[in-house]
Amino acid sequence: MTAPITPTASNPTVPTPATSAPDDRLGAREKTVLVTLAAAQLLVILDTTIVNIAIPQAAVALSLGADGRQWIITAYALTFGAVLLIGGGIADYWGRKRTFILGLVVFAVASLLAGLAVDVTMLIGGRVLQGAGAALMAPAALSLVSVTFPSGRARNLAFGVLGGITSSGAAVGLLLGGVLTEFVDWRWCLLVNVPVVAVALVAASLVLRESRAESHGRLDIGGAVTIAIGLAALVYGFTLAERGWVEGGALVFIAVGLVFLAVFVLIELRVSAPLLPLRVVLDRNRGGALVVQTCAGAAMVTVTLYITFHLQQVLGLPPLLAGVATLPLAFTIGLVIPVLVRLIPRVGPKPLLVAGPVVAGVGVLLLARVSVQGSYWGEVLPGLVVMGAGMAAIFVPAQNMALSRVRPEDAGAAAAAANATNQIGGAVGLAVLTNLYVAGSGGGQSPAALVDGYAAVFVGAAVVMALAAVTALLLIRNVQLGQGAGEQLPSMH
């Protein structure tokens, strides 16, 4: 009997081993595999937000300025997004179990390094390594789930667990970060990963089985290097712009970044096994969806970071309450998504991809009303709820459209691109919008100056969402969604 073939995040086809879990139940090994991979996925998602609440205390402990605070978030997101494009290829080429274990080890070492940081360089360096470890773990974990659970109820359960972690992990990260920062120490927002990884390493060594793609071309090292350097230079250039566009060398780094990204495009046009086949992103609907996802990532990362600053530094909430206060954003997304899943077949993806950014933009503009004497209930909560509804209307159709009607040979690249856009959008968007904070606050640290800076960021994020709506309106056609390459994969953002 021919084993079923299912696309992974890195390769469109995955061989199914002879011994697979029964379709209708999970054995002891399969349960352990699922728990192990789910724990790794949770760590990957948690670390996008768990440090948000801790940043004010970390800034005091390590004397961080605005750019240092920004890079605590950017370093992880940027590395994760850039390396993710090749992480799946490494897993298929070298072995998924090996790659997963390597990712765990790198992630644990990086978490220890960042948690014990004595200066900003050590902290940001640790976050960079964390992003690299996450980029190895995430696609390897997804591929291992596909191999271990090839079909049936067991497969649906496995992907349901990973999907639930993906959708709720960011909110759990904010809450856990608040608990650890308030009752233990901000460093434990990073050190908490170490014991979890230690358990996962033991389990992975015992229960995971090695697998590789049946055929895999040479790794596109040139593409991986050029896109990583290009994105890093671009983001660093926008970070330097906080000190001046000319004096700080911002324009030089931005130019260098654009040159490397152009070289990346040239490489992808010429190599036999490109990291990102350009036909994937040049498809009108898929490309438009990826642009909308990039804008959504930029707004989501930036707004959640600066709203936590406002809650702690202006409204004076302790870390735990600040974490709880951000949960309505995630709760609204979770409540609205099931409604939209049923609505998409009736109206199609385009109306939602146009309306979603508009609604999210309105929510962000509501947040721009924050003031020194204002309240959470009147100025923050309404904006979070409205923004959450809009973001839900983006995530559901954009993720589907990015992976819909893709060629079988492009399934892995499309999944990687869909997952990477959120991280890269968050990194680039945060770097750009932080310039608005610096300009709005005028470098001041008084509550009034901080509020002016936050309001400027929120207005800028609303503009980003307006650009997303225009992109969806002009580029995307309202087509019936369909999975040309198999089942949809859970996102890793």
Protein backbone atom coordinates (compact mmCIF):
# COMPACT_ATOMS: atom_id res chain seq x y z
CA MET A 1 0.00 0.00 0.00
CA THR A 2 1.31 3.42 -0.86
CA ALA A 3 1.78 5.64 2.18
CA PRO A 4 -0.08 8.99 2.10
CA ILE A 5 2.00 12.04 1.31
CA THR A 6 1.53 15.29 3.18
CA PRO A 7 3.24 18.67 2.65
CA THR A 8 5.50 20.03 5.36
CA ALA A 9 6.76 23.51 6.17
CA SER A 10 9.99 22.81 4.36
CA ASN A 11 9.31 20.20 1.71
CA PRO A 12 6.17 19.46 -0.27
CA THR A 13 6.38 15.71 0.23
CA VAL A 14 7.17 13.69 3.34
CA PRO A 15 7.59 9.91 3.38
CA THR A 16 5.49 8.14 5.98
CA PRO A 17 7.32 5.48 8.00
CA ALA A 18 5.99 1.95 8.03
CA THR A 19 5.00 2.13 11.69
CA SER A 20 2.52 4.94 12.17
CA ALA A 21 -0.06 5.75 14.80
CA PRO A 22 -3.51 4.30 14.36
CA ASP A 23 -5.97 6.71 12.85
CA ASP A 24 -8.43 6.61 15.77
CA ARG A 25 -6.22 6.71 18.85
CA LEU A 26 -2.83 7.70 20.20
CA GLY A 27 -0.41 5.23 21.70
CA ALA A 28 1.92 6.05 24.58
CA ARG A 29 4.78 6.93 22.23
CA GLU A 30 2.60 9.13 20.05
CA LYS A 31 1.29 10.99 23.09
CA THR A 32 4.84 11.62 24.26
CA VAL A 33 5.85 12.79 20.80
CA LEU A 34 2.92 15.21 20.66
CA VAL A 35 3.60 16.62 24.13
CA THR A 36 7.30 17.06 23.30
CA LEU A 37 6.69 18.84 20.01
CA ALA A 38 3.88 20.91 21.49
CA ALA A 39 6.16 22.06 24.32
CA ALA A 40 8.76 23.18 21.79
CA GLN A 41 6.12 25.00 19.75
CA LEU A 42 4.89 26.74 22.90
CA LEU A 43 8.43 27.94 23.70
CA VAL A 44 8.81 29.34 20.18
CA ILE A 45 5.55 31.31 20.42
CA LEU A 46 5.97 32.31 24.08
CA ASP A 47 9.28 33.97 23.45
CA THR A 48 7.78 36.41 20.96
CA THR A 49 5.93 38.12 23.84
CA ILE A 50 7.10 36.83 27.23
CA VAL A 51 9.79 39.51 27.55
CA ASN A 52 7.44 42.40 26.67
CA ILE A 53 6.31 42.90 30.25
CA ALA A 54 9.89 42.50 31.54
CA ILE A 55 11.44 45.16 29.32
CA PRO A 56 10.89 48.16 31.67
CA GLN A 57 12.70 46.33 34.50
CA ALA A 58 15.39 45.03 32.14
CA ALA A 59 15.89 48.56 30.83
CA VAL A 60 16.58 49.82 34.34
CA ALA A 61 18.88 46.91 35.23
CA LEU A 62 20.95 47.16 32.03
CA SER A 63 20.56 50.90 31.31
CA LEU A 64 18.76 50.34 28.01
CA GLY A 65 17.71 53.20 25.76
CA ALA A 66 14.81 53.16 23.30
CA ASP A 67 16.87 51.32 20.66
CA GLY A 68 18.05 48.70 23.18
CA ARG A 69 14.49 48.02 24.32
CA GLN A 70 13.40 47.64 20.73
CA TRP A 71 16.16 45.17 19.88
CA ILE A 72 15.12 42.81 22.69
CA ILE A 73 12.05 42.09 20.55
CA THR A 74 13.55 42.69 17.11
CA ALA A 75 16.58 40.42 17.57
CA TYR A 76 14.39 37.38 18.16
CA ALA A 77 11.75 38.10 15.52
CA LEU A 78 14.22 39.07 12.81
CA THR A 79 16.48 36.05 13.27
CA PHE A 80 13.52 33.70 13.54
CA GLY A 81 11.94 35.04 10.36
CA ALA A 82 15.14 35.09 8.31
CA VAL A 83 16.53 31.70 9.39
CA LEU A 84 13.10 30.02 9.21
CA LEU A 85 13.36 30.09 5.42
CA ILE A 86 16.28 27.67 5.54
CA GLY A 87 15.47 25.86 8.81
CA GLY A 88 13.08 23.51 7.09
CA GLY A 89 15.60 22.78 4.38
CA ILE A 90 18.22 21.86 6.96
CA ALA A 91 15.72 19.55 8.66
CA ASP A 92 14.92 17.75 5.41
CA TYR A 93 18.58 17.56 4.35
CA TRP A 94 20.28 16.70 7.65
CA GLY A 95 17.47 14.93 9.50
CA ARG A 96 14.42 16.26 11.30
CA LYS A 97 15.17 14.72 14.69
CA ARG A 98 18.76 15.96 14.62
CA THR A 99 17.66 19.43 13.59
CA PHE A 100 14.97 19.55 16.27
CA ILE A 101 17.42 18.51 18.99
CA LEU A 102 20.01 21.00 17.74
CA GLY A 103 17.36 23.73 17.82
CA LEU A 104 16.49 22.82 21.41
CA VAL A 105 20.14 22.96 22.49
CA VAL A 106 20.73 26.32 20.78
CA PHE A 107 17.53 27.70 22.28
CA ALA A 108 18.45 26.58 25.80
CA VAL A 109 22.00 27.95 25.62
CA ALA A 110 20.68 31.22 24.21
CA SER A 111 18.03 31.52 26.93
CA LEU A 112 20.68 30.97 29.60
CA LEU A 113 22.95 33.55 28.00
CA ALA A 114 20.18 36.15 27.75
CA GLY A 115 18.84 35.43 31.23
CA LEU A 116 22.28 35.95 32.80
CA ALA A 117 23.08 39.02 30.69
CA VAL A 118 25.21 41.68 32.33
CA ASP A 119 24.87 44.21 29.51
CA VAL A 120 22.73 44.94 26.48
CA THR A 121 25.09 43.20 24.05
CA MET A 122 24.87 39.91 25.95
CA LEU A 123 21.08 40.16 26.18
CA ILE A 124 20.52 40.94 22.51
CA GLY A 125 23.08 38.33 21.45
CA GLY A 126 21.16 35.75 23.44
CA ARG A 127 17.92 36.80 21.77
CA VAL A 128 19.54 36.42 18.33
CA LEU A 129 20.59 32.87 19.18
CA GLN A 130 17.12 32.18 20.55
CA GLY A 131 15.65 33.17 17.19
CA ALA A 132 18.05 30.85 15.38
CA GLY A 133 17.16 27.96 17.68
CA ALA A 134 13.45 28.62 17.19
CA ALA A 135 13.89 28.69 13.41
CA LEU A 136 15.44 25.21 13.57
CA MET A 137 12.87 23.81 15.99
CA ALA A 138 9.64 25.07 14.45
CA PRO A 139 9.81 23.58 10.92
CA ALA A 140 11.43 20.38 12.21
CA ALA A 141 8.62 19.96 14.74
CA LEU A 142 5.99 20.51 12.08
CA SER A 143 7.60 17.92 9.81
CA LEU A 144 7.88 15.42 12.66
CA VAL A 145 4.18 15.82 13.41
CA SER A 146 3.38 15.11 9.74
CA VAL A 147 5.52 11.96 9.80
CA THR A 148 4.26 10.66 13.14
CA PHE A 149 0.58 11.37 12.46
CA PRO A 150 0.03 10.67 8.75
CA SER A 151 -3.78 10.68 8.67
CA GLY A 152 -7.06 10.32 10.50
CA ARG A 153 -8.26 11.60 13.87
CA ALA A 154 -4.78 11.40 15.38
CA ARG A 155 -3.45 13.78 12.75
CA ASN A 156 -6.35 16.19 13.23
CA LEU A 157 -5.78 16.14 16.98
CA ALA A 158 -2.04 16.76 16.59
CA PHE A 159 -2.47 19.73 14.27
CA GLY A 160 -5.33 20.99 16.43
CA VAL A 161 -3.04 21.03 19.46
CA LEU A 162 -0.32 22.90 17.55
CA GLY A 163 -2.85 25.33 16.11
CA GLY A 164 -4.25 26.04 19.56
CA ILE A 165 -0.78 26.72 20.90
CA THR A 166 -0.03 29.01 17.99
CA SER A 167 -3.17 31.08 18.51
CA SER A 168 -2.93 31.31 22.30
CA GLY A 169 0.83 31.23 22.91
CA ALA A 170 1.37 34.98 22.57
CA ALA A 171 -1.31 35.72 25.17
CA VAL A 172 0.10 33.07 27.51
CA GLY A 173 3.53 34.67 27.04
CA LEU A 174 2.29 38.10 28.14
CA LEU A 175 0.57 36.63 31.19
CA LEU A 176 3.48 34.38 32.19
CA GLY A 177 5.89 37.25 31.66
CA GLY A 178 3.84 39.36 34.05
CA VAL A 179 3.79 36.64 36.70
CA LEU A 180 7.54 35.97 36.51
CA THR A 181 8.50 39.64 36.40
CA GLU A 182 6.34 40.58 39.38
CA PHE A 183 6.87 37.59 41.67
CA VAL A 184 10.34 36.31 40.71
CA ASP A 185 12.59 38.41 38.49
CA TRP A 186 12.55 39.65 34.88
CA ARG A 187 15.45 37.32 34.04
CA TRP A 188 13.23 34.29 34.61
CA CYS A 189 11.21 35.28 31.54
CA LEU A 190 14.25 33.89 29.70
CA LEU A 191 15.63 31.34 32.17
CA VAL A 192 12.29 29.53 32.41
CA ASN A 193 13.03 28.01 29.00
CA VAL A 194 16.01 26.04 30.27
CA PRO A 195 14.26 23.42 32.45
CA VAL A 196 11.49 22.98 29.87
CA VAL A 197 14.07 22.36 27.14
CA ALA A 198 15.96 19.92 29.36
CA VAL A 199 12.85 17.74 29.73
CA ALA A 200 12.05 18.08 26.02
CA LEU A 201 15.59 17.02 25.10
CA VAL A 202 15.32 13.80 27.10
CA ALA A 203 11.92 13.01 25.62
CA ALA A 204 13.01 13.86 22.07
CA SER A 205 16.07 11.62 22.33
CA LEU A 206 13.97 8.69 23.47
CA VAL A 207 10.77 8.86 21.41
CA LEU A 208 11.46 10.75 18.17
CA ARG A 209 12.45 8.77 15.08
CA GLU A 210 14.79 10.15 12.48
CA SER A 211 13.45 10.98 9.03
CA ARG A 212 14.60 12.87 5.97
CA ALA A 213 13.08 13.91 2.68
CA GLU A 214 13.42 11.23 0.00
CA SER A 215 15.08 13.71 -2.32
CA HIS A 216 16.37 17.15 -1.53
CA GLY A 217 18.47 19.49 -3.58
CA ARG A 218 21.46 21.39 -2.33
CA LEU A 219 20.77 23.96 0.35
CA ASP A 220 20.50 27.51 -0.98
CA ILE A 221 23.24 28.89 1.25
CA GLY A 222 23.71 32.00 -0.88
CA GLY A 223 20.04 32.88 -0.63
CA ALA A 224 20.00 32.28 3.11
CA VAL A 225 23.07 34.45 3.75
CA THR A 226 21.98 37.34 1.53
CA ILE A 227 18.44 37.59 2.89
CA ALA A 228 19.69 37.40 6.50
CA ILE A 229 22.28 40.15 5.95
CA GLY A 230 19.85 42.23 3.92
CA LEU A 231 17.10 42.16 6.53
CA ALA A 232 19.50 42.73 9.43
CA ALA A 233 21.12 45.73 7.71
CA LEU A 234 17.72 47.18 6.83
CA VAL A 235 16.38 46.90 10.36
CA TYR A 236 19.63 48.18 11.87
CA GLY A 237 19.52 51.16 9.53
CA PHE A 238 16.05 52.13 10.70
CA THR A 239 17.21 51.71 14.28
CA LEU A 240 20.13 54.10 13.70
CA ALA A 241 17.68 56.61 12.23
CA GLU A 242 16.56 57.35 15.79
CA ARG A 243 19.87 59.22 16.17
CA GLY A 244 19.80 60.86 12.75
CA TRP A 245 19.48 59.72 9.15
CA VAL A 246 22.92 60.95 8.09
CA GLU A 247 25.03 61.28 11.21
CA GLY A 248 24.26 57.81 12.49
CA GLY A 249 24.86 56.08 9.17
CA ALA A 250 21.24 54.99 8.89
CA LEU A 251 21.01 55.59 5.15
CA VAL A 252 24.19 53.60 4.53
CA PHE A 253 22.89 50.51 6.31
CA ILE A 254 19.47 50.81 4.66
CA ALA A 255 21.18 50.99 1.27
CA VAL A 256 23.34 47.98 2.10
CA GLY A 257 20.24 46.07 3.16
CA LEU A 258 18.43 46.86 -0.08
CA VAL A 259 21.47 45.80 -2.12
CA PHE A 260 21.66 42.42 -0.36
CA LEU A 261 17.93 41.88 -0.81
CA ALA A 262 18.36 42.61 -4.53
CA VAL A 263 21.20 40.08 -4.67
CA PHE A 264 18.93 37.59 -2.93
CA VAL A 265 16.36 38.02 -5.71
CA LEU A 266 19.03 37.46 -8.37
CA ILE A 267 20.23 34.31 -6.62
CA GLU A 268 16.70 32.94 -6.37
CA LEU A 269 16.23 33.46 -10.11
CA ARG A 270 19.32 31.41 -10.94
CA VAL A 271 19.72 28.55 -8.47
CA SER A 272 18.11 25.17 -9.19
CA ALA A 273 16.61 24.80 -5.69
CA PRO A 274 15.87 28.35 -4.51
CA LEU A 275 15.15 29.11 -0.88
CA LEU A 276 12.07 31.03 -2.00
CA PRO A 277 10.89 30.45 -5.60
CA LEU A 278 9.80 33.88 -6.74
CA ARG A 279 6.69 32.50 -8.41
CA VAL A 280 5.37 31.86 -4.89
CA VAL A 281 5.35 35.55 -3.95
CA LEU A 282 4.64 36.93 -7.44
CA ASP A 283 1.26 35.22 -7.59
CA ARG A 284 -1.19 38.11 -7.29
CA ASN A 285 -3.37 36.72 -4.54
CA ARG A 286 -0.62 35.04 -2.55
CA GLY A 287 1.69 38.04 -2.81
CA GLY A 288 -1.08 40.37 -1.70
CA ALA A 289 -1.89 38.13 1.25
CA LEU A 290 1.76 38.05 2.28
CA VAL A 291 1.97 41.85 2.16
CA VAL A 292 -1.15 42.10 4.34
CA GLN A 293 0.35 39.59 6.79
CA THR A 294 3.58 41.57 6.90
CA CYS A 295 1.68 44.76 7.74
CA ALA A 296 -0.35 42.92 10.36
CA GLY A 297 2.84 41.57 11.94
CA ALA A 298 4.31 45.07 12.04
CA ALA A 299 1.26 46.52 13.77
CA MET A 300 0.72 43.60 16.14
CA VAL A 301 4.28 43.44 17.47
CA THR A 302 4.65 47.20 17.82
CA VAL A 303 1.28 47.94 19.39
CA THR A 304 1.46 45.11 21.93
CA LEU A 305 4.94 46.25 22.99
CA TYR A 306 4.13 49.93 23.40
CA ILE A 307 0.77 49.33 25.06
CA THR A 308 2.55 47.30 27.75
CA PHE A 309 4.92 50.25 28.23
CA HIS A 310 1.94 52.58 28.64
CA LEU A 311 0.24 50.27 31.11
CA GLN A 312 3.32 50.08 33.33
CA GLN A 313 5.08 53.40 32.88
CA VAL A 314 2.08 55.75 32.65
CA LEU A 315 -0.88 53.97 34.23
CA GLY A 316 1.40 52.41 36.86
CA LEU A 317 0.11 48.85 36.62
CA PRO A 318 2.33 46.14 38.13
CA PRO A 319 3.72 43.56 35.65
CA LEU A 320 1.09 40.91 36.37
CA LEU A 321 -1.84 43.27 35.89
CA ALA A 322 -0.21 44.69 32.77
CA GLY A 323 -0.06 41.18 31.34
CA VAL A 324 -3.69 40.50 32.24
CA ALA A 325 -4.73 43.87 30.79
CA THR A 326 -3.50 42.88 27.32
CA LEU A 327 -5.49 39.62 27.22
CA PRO A 328 -8.67 41.14 25.70
CA LEU A 329 -6.74 41.47 22.42
CA ALA A 330 -6.03 37.73 22.29
CA PHE A 331 -9.46 36.77 23.63
CA THR A 332 -11.20 38.79 20.94
CA ILE A 333 -9.09 37.16 18.23
CA GLY A 334 -9.97 33.73 19.62
CA LEU A 335 -13.69 34.52 19.78
CA VAL A 336 -13.93 36.03 16.30
CA ILE A 337 -11.89 33.42 14.38
CA PRO A 338 -14.54 30.63 14.54
CA VAL A 339 -17.15 33.05 13.19
CA LEU A 340 -14.89 34.04 10.30
CA VAL A 341 -14.07 30.42 9.46
CA ARG A 342 -17.77 29.91 8.74
CA LEU A 343 -18.09 33.27 6.95
CA ILE A 344 -15.25 32.89 4.43
CA PRO A 345 -17.00 30.29 2.23
CA ARG A 346 -19.95 32.68 1.88
CA VAL A 347 -18.24 35.99 1.17
CA GLY A 348 -14.76 34.94 0.07
CA PRO A 349 -11.41 36.14 1.47
CA LYS A 350 -11.13 39.56 -0.17
CA PRO A 351 -13.87 41.41 1.76
CA LEU A 352 -12.30 40.27 5.03
CA LEU A 353 -8.78 41.19 3.93
CA VAL A 354 -9.99 44.69 3.10
CA ALA A 355 -12.25 45.15 6.13
CA GLY A 356 -9.88 43.49 8.62
CA PRO A 357 -7.08 46.07 8.32
CA VAL A 358 -9.65 48.89 8.40
CA VAL A 359 -11.18 47.60 11.65
CA ALA A 360 -7.75 46.92 13.17
CA GLY A 361 -6.65 50.42 12.14
CA VAL A 362 -9.68 51.93 13.89
CA GLY A 363 -8.77 49.98 17.01
CA VAL A 364 -5.21 51.29 16.91
CA LEU A 365 -6.49 54.84 16.45
CA LEU A 366 -8.62 54.36 19.57
CA LEU A 367 -5.41 53.48 21.42
CA ALA A 368 -3.85 56.71 20.13
CA ARG A 369 -6.22 58.56 22.50
CA VAL A 370 -4.16 57.48 25.52
CA SER A 371 -3.45 60.25 28.00
CA VAL A 372 -1.64 60.76 31.29
CA GLN A 373 -4.86 61.03 33.30
CA GLY A 374 -6.81 58.51 31.24
CA SER A 375 -8.09 55.11 32.34
CA TYR A 376 -7.58 51.58 31.07
CA TRP A 377 -11.31 51.02 30.69
CA GLY A 378 -11.95 54.11 28.62
CA GLU A 379 -8.79 54.47 26.53
CA VAL A 380 -7.13 51.06 26.27
CA LEU A 381 -9.71 48.29 26.48
CA PRO A 382 -11.96 49.49 23.59
CA GLY A 383 -8.97 49.78 21.27
CA LEU A 384 -7.67 46.30 22.14
CA VAL A 385 -11.08 44.71 21.49
CA VAL A 386 -11.63 46.45 18.15
CA MET A 387 -8.05 45.77 17.05
CA GLY A 388 -8.45 42.10 17.97
CA ALA A 389 -11.56 41.76 15.81
CA GLY A 390 -9.73 43.30 12.87
CA MET A 391 -6.65 41.14 13.30
CA ALA A 392 -8.78 37.99 13.36
CA ALA A 393 -10.29 39.06 10.03
CA ILE A 394 -6.75 39.29 8.65
CA PHE A 395 -5.17 36.13 10.07
CA VAL A 396 -7.80 33.63 8.91
CA PRO A 397 -8.10 34.51 5.19
CA ALA A 398 -4.49 35.67 4.78
CA GLN A 399 -3.04 32.43 6.11
CA ASN A 400 -5.42 30.41 3.96
CA MET A 401 -4.77 32.43 0.81
CA ALA A 402 -1.00 32.31 1.29
CA LEU A 403 -1.17 28.50 1.25
CA SER A 404 -4.08 27.99 -1.12
CA ARG A 405 -3.78 26.74 -4.71
CA VAL A 406 -0.02 26.41 -4.42
CA ARG A 407 1.91 23.98 -6.63
CA PRO A 408 2.89 20.78 -4.82
CA GLU A 409 6.59 21.53 -5.35
CA ASP A 410 6.13 25.00 -3.81
CA ALA A 411 4.14 23.97 -0.74
CA GLY A 412 7.11 24.13 1.63
CA ALA A 413 8.30 27.51 0.37
CA ALA A 414 4.78 28.95 0.58
CA ALA A 415 4.36 27.74 4.17
CA ALA A 416 7.76 29.13 5.17
CA ALA A 417 7.01 32.48 3.51
CA ALA A 418 3.62 32.70 5.21
CA ASN A 419 5.18 32.04 8.61
CA ALA A 420 8.22 34.27 8.09
CA THR A 421 6.28 37.36 6.98
CA ASN A 422 4.80 37.91 10.42
CA GLN A 423 8.20 37.76 12.12
CA ILE A 424 9.98 39.88 9.53
CA GLY A 425 7.09 42.34 9.40
CA GLY A 426 7.22 42.63 13.18
CA ALA A 427 10.97 43.26 13.18
CA VAL A 428 11.00 45.82 10.37
CA GLY A 429 7.78 47.47 11.54
CA LEU A 430 9.03 47.87 15.09
CA ALA A 431 12.26 49.43 13.85
CA VAL A 432 10.41 51.92 11.64
CA LEU A 433 7.66 52.84 14.09
CA THR A 434 10.07 53.26 17.00
CA ASN A 435 11.38 56.29 15.12
CA LEU A 436 7.92 57.79 15.54
CA TYR A 437 8.11 57.16 19.27
CA VAL A 438 11.46 58.93 19.51
CA ALA A 439 10.16 61.87 17.48
CA GLY A 440 6.88 62.06 19.38
CA SER A 441 8.40 61.85 22.84
CA GLY A 442 11.27 64.20 21.98
CA GLY A 443 13.52 62.00 24.07
CA GLY A 444 11.65 62.95 27.23
CA GLN A 445 10.82 60.55 30.05
CA SER A 446 7.95 62.40 31.70
CA PRO A 447 4.50 60.77 31.51
CA ALA A 448 3.35 63.44 29.07
CA ALA A 449 6.34 62.86 26.77
CA LEU A 450 5.87 59.09 26.92
CA VAL A 451 2.18 59.39 26.02
CA ASP A 452 3.01 61.63 23.07
CA GLY A 453 5.50 59.03 21.84
CA TYR A 454 3.07 56.14 22.25
CA ALA A 455 0.32 58.03 20.46
CA ALA A 456 2.66 58.70 17.54
CA VAL A 457 3.44 54.96 17.33
CA PHE A 458 -0.23 54.04 17.31
CA VAL A 459 -1.05 56.55 14.59
CA GLY A 460 1.82 55.14 12.54
CA ALA A 461 0.53 51.60 13.06
CA ALA A 462 -2.90 52.73 11.85
CA VAL A 463 -1.27 54.05 8.67
CA VAL A 464 0.38 50.64 8.18
CA MET A 465 -3.03 48.98 8.44
CA ALA A 466 -4.44 51.44 5.90
CA LEU A 467 -1.69 50.39 3.49
CA ALA A 468 -2.66 46.76 4.08
CA ALA A 469 -6.29 47.52 3.22
CA VAL A 470 -5.29 49.31 0.02
CA THR A 471 -3.03 46.40 -0.95
CA ALA A 472 -5.84 43.92 -0.46
CA LEU A 473 -8.26 46.08 -2.42
CA LEU A 474 -5.95 46.52 -5.41
CA LEU A 475 -4.14 43.18 -5.62
CA ILE A 476 -6.34 40.42 -4.27
CA ARG A 477 -9.10 38.79 -6.28
CA ASN A 478 -12.03 37.22 -4.48
CA VAL A 479 -11.47 33.56 -5.37
CA GLN A 480 -12.65 30.35 -3.78
CA LEU A 481 -9.96 29.09 -1.47
CA GLY A 482 -8.57 25.62 -2.16
CA GLN A 483 -5.57 23.64 -1.05
CA GLY A 484 -3.74 22.77 -4.22
CA ALA A 485 -1.00 20.96 -2.34
CA GLY A 486 -2.80 19.25 0.48
CA GLU A 487 -3.90 20.22 3.94
CA GLN A 488 -3.21 23.60 5.40
CA LEU A 489 -0.30 23.77 7.80
CA PRO A 490 -0.47 25.50 11.15
CA SER A 491 1.38 28.77 11.26
CA MET A 492 4.52 29.30 13.30
CA HIS A 493 4.13 33.01 14.01
